[in-house]
């Protein structure tokens, strides 16, 4: 039970981090373009 919960949290965390990176890079690109 603990193992599955840990892996689920890890996947969720990595997904959040990737989306944040995408949003951050998108914002950087728009500011640089403008």
PDB file of N, CA and C in Angstrom:
ATOM      1  N   UNK A   1       0.843  -1.194   0.000  1.00  0.00           N
ATOM      2  CA  UNK A   1       0.000   0.000   0.000  1.00  0.00           C
ATOM      3  C   UNK A   1       0.881   1.249   0.000  1.00  0.00           C
ATOM      4  N   UNK A   2       1.852   1.274   0.873  1.00  0.00           N
ATOM      5  CA  UNK A   2       2.722   2.444   0.975  1.00  0.00           C
ATOM      6  C   UNK A   2       3.516   2.643  -0.324  1.00  0.00           C
ATOM      7  N   UNK A   3       3.973   1.567  -0.900  1.00  0.00           N
ATOM      8  CA  UNK A   3       4.780   1.670  -2.112  1.00  0.00           C
ATOM      9  C   UNK A   3       3.966   2.278  -3.253  1.00  0.00           C
ATOM     10  N   UNK A   4       2.754   1.787  -3.439  1.00  0.00           N
ATOM     11  CA  UNK A   4       1.919   2.309  -4.528  1.00  0.00           C
ATOM     12  C   UNK A   4       1.598   3.783  -4.298  1.00  0.00           C
ATOM     13  N   UNK A   5       1.348   4.148  -3.040  1.00  0.00           N
ATOM     14  CA  UNK A   5       1.044   5.549  -2.737  1.00  0.00           C
ATOM     15  C   UNK A   5       2.259   6.424  -3.032  1.00  0.00           C
ATOM     16  N   UNK A   6       3.435   5.944  -2.679  1.00  0.00           N
ATOM     17  CA  UNK A   6       4.660   6.716  -2.914  1.00  0.00           C
ATOM     18  C   UNK A   6       4.888   6.911  -4.410  1.00  0.00           C
ATOM     19  N   UNK A   7       4.728   5.856  -5.179  1.00  0.00           N
ATOM     20  CA  UNK A   7       4.941   5.971  -6.623  1.00  0.00           C
ATOM     21  C   UNK A   7       3.896   6.891  -7.245  1.00  0.00           C
ATOM     22  N   UNK A   8       2.672   6.825  -6.739  1.00  0.00           N
ATOM     23  CA  UNK A   8       1.615   7.699  -7.255  1.00  0.00           C
ATOM     24  C   UNK A   8       1.964   9.158  -6.981  1.00  0.00           C
ATOM     25  N   UNK A   9       2.432   9.422  -5.762  1.00  0.00           N
ATOM     26  CA  UNK A   9       2.819  10.793  -5.410  1.00  0.00           C
ATOM     27  C   UNK A   9       3.994  11.247  -6.268  1.00  0.00           C
ATOM     28  N   UNK A  10       4.925  10.357  -6.506  1.00  0.00           N
ATOM     29  CA  UNK A  10       6.095  10.703  -7.310  1.00  0.00           C
ATOM     30  C   UNK A  10       5.677  11.064  -8.734  1.00  0.00           C
ATOM     31  N   UNK A  11       4.781  10.272  -9.301  1.00  0.00           N
ATOM     32  CA  UNK A  11       4.287  10.544 -10.657  1.00  0.00           C
ATOM     33  C   UNK A  11       3.545  11.873 -10.687  1.00  0.00           C
ATOM     34  N   UNK A  12       2.701  12.086  -9.701  1.00  0.00           N
ATOM     35  CA  UNK A  12       1.936  13.334  -9.635  1.00  0.00           C
ATOM     36  C   UNK A  12       2.882  14.524  -9.511  1.00  0.00           C
ATOM     37  N   UNK A  13       3.874  14.388  -8.664  1.00  0.00           N
ATOM     38  CA  UNK A  13       4.841  15.466  -8.453  1.00  0.00           C
ATOM     39  C   UNK A  13       5.613  15.771  -9.733  1.00  0.00           C
ATOM     40  N   UNK A  14       6.049  14.736 -10.421  1.00  0.00           N
ATOM     41  CA  UNK A  14       6.802  14.941 -11.665  1.00  0.00           C
ATOM     42  C   UNK A  14       5.926  15.588 -12.733  1.00  0.00           C
ATOM     43  N   UNK A  15       4.652  15.207 -12.771  1.00  0.00           N
ATOM     44  CA  UNK A  15       3.732  15.815 -13.733  1.00  0.00           C
ATOM     45  C   UNK A  15       3.574  17.304 -13.450  1.00  0.00           C
ATOM     46  N   UNK A  16       3.432  17.643 -12.180  1.00  0.00           N
ATOM     47  CA  UNK A  16       3.279  19.049 -11.792  1.00  0.00           C
ATOM     48  C   UNK A  16       4.543  19.827 -12.149  1.00  0.00           C
ATOM     49  N   UNK A  17       5.684  19.244 -11.875  1.00  0.00           N
ATOM     50  CA  UNK A  17       6.955  19.920 -12.162  1.00  0.00           C
ATOM     51  C   UNK A  17       7.107  20.156 -13.667  1.00  0.00           C
ATOM     52  N   UNK A  18       6.756  19.158 -14.459  1.00  0.00           N
ATOM     53  CA  UNK A  18       6.889  19.314 -15.914  1.00  0.00           C
ATOM     54  C   UNK A  18       5.957  20.398 -16.433  1.00  0.00           C
ATOM     55  N   UNK A  19       4.729  20.408 -15.950  1.00  0.00           N
ATOM     56  CA  UNK A  19       3.783  21.436 -16.409  1.00  0.00           C
ATOM     57  C   UNK A  19       4.255  22.818 -15.970  1.00  0.00           C
ATOM     58  N   UNK A  20       4.806  22.902 -14.758  1.00  0.00           N
ATOM     59  CA  UNK A  20       5.319  24.189 -14.285  1.00  0.00           C
ATOM     60  C   UNK A  20       6.476  24.650 -15.168  1.00  0.00           C
ATOM     61  N   UNK A  21       7.340  23.727 -15.530  1.00  0.00           N
ATOM     62  CA  UNK A  21       8.468  24.078 -16.398  1.00  0.00           C
ATOM     63  C   UNK A  21       7.963  24.572 -17.745  1.00  0.00           C
ATOM     64  N   UNK A  22       6.953  23.900 -18.278  1.00  0.00           N
ATOM     65  CA  UNK A  22       6.393  24.308 -19.566  1.00  0.00           C
ATOM     66  C   UNK A  22       5.805  25.702 -19.468  1.00  0.00           C
ATOM     67  N   UNK A  23       5.040  25.946 -18.426  1.00  0.00           N
ATOM     68  CA  UNK A  23       4.418  27.263 -18.236  1.00  0.00           C
ATOM     69  C   UNK A  23       5.505  28.321 -18.077  1.00  0.00           C
ATOM     70  N   UNK A  24       6.517  28.005 -17.299  1.00  0.00           N
ATOM     71  CA  UNK A  24       7.598  28.963 -17.049  1.00  0.00           C
ATOM     72  C   UNK A  24       8.345  29.282 -18.345  1.00  0.00           C
ATOM     73  N   UNK A  25       8.677  28.269 -19.111  1.00  0.00           N
ATOM     74  CA  UNK A  25       9.397  28.486 -20.369  1.00  0.00           C
ATOM     75  C   UNK A  25       8.518  29.248 -21.358  1.00  0.00           C
ATOM     76  N   UNK A  26       7.223  28.954 -21.373  1.00  0.00           N
ATOM     77  CA  UNK A  26       6.306  29.681 -22.256  1.00  0.00           C
ATOM     78  C   UNK A  26       6.288  31.155 -21.882  1.00  0.00           C
ATOM     79  N   UNK A  27       6.224  31.433 -20.598  1.00  0.00           N
ATOM     80  CA  UNK A  27       6.212  32.823 -20.145  1.00  0.00           C
ATOM     81  C   UNK A  27       7.521  33.513 -20.512  1.00  0.00           C
ATOM     82  N   UNK A  28       8.619  32.807 -20.364  1.00  0.00           N
ATOM     83  CA  UNK A  28       9.918  33.380 -20.713  1.00  0.00           C
ATOM     84  C   UNK A  28       9.971  33.702 -22.200  1.00  0.00           C
ATOM     85  N   UNK A  29       9.475  32.799 -23.019  1.00  0.00           N
ATOM     86  CA  UNK A  29       9.495  33.012 -24.466  1.00  0.00           C
ATOM     87  C   UNK A  29       8.646  34.219 -24.841  1.00  0.00           C
ATOM     88  N   UNK A  30       7.466  34.340 -24.244  1.00  0.00           N
ATOM     89  CA  UNK A  30       6.584  35.462 -24.587  1.00  0.00           C
ATOM     90  C   UNK A  30       7.224  36.779 -24.157  1.00  0.00           C
ATOM     91  N   UNK A  31       7.843  36.806 -22.989  1.00  0.00           N
ATOM     92  CA  UNK A  31       8.466  38.053 -22.531  1.00  0.00           C
ATOM     93  C   UNK A  31       9.650  38.403 -23.429  1.00  0.00           C
ATOM     94  N   UNK A  32      10.404  37.406 -23.855  1.00  0.00           N
ATOM     95  CA  UNK A  32      11.552  37.673 -24.720  1.00  0.00           C
ATOM     96  C   UNK A  32      11.087  38.128 -26.105  1.00  0.00           C
ATOM     97  N   UNK A  33       9.988  37.557 -26.571  1.00  0.00           N
ATOM     98  CA  UNK A  33       9.464  37.936 -27.882  1.00  0.00           C
ATOM     99  C   UNK A  33       8.912  39.351 -27.840  1.00  0.00           C
ATOM    100  N   UNK A  34       8.300  39.704 -26.735  1.00  0.00           N
ATOM    101  CA  UNK A  34       7.761  41.066 -26.605  1.00  0.00           C
ATOM    102  C   UNK A  34       8.881  41.981 -26.105  1.00  0.00           C
TER     103      UNK A  34
END
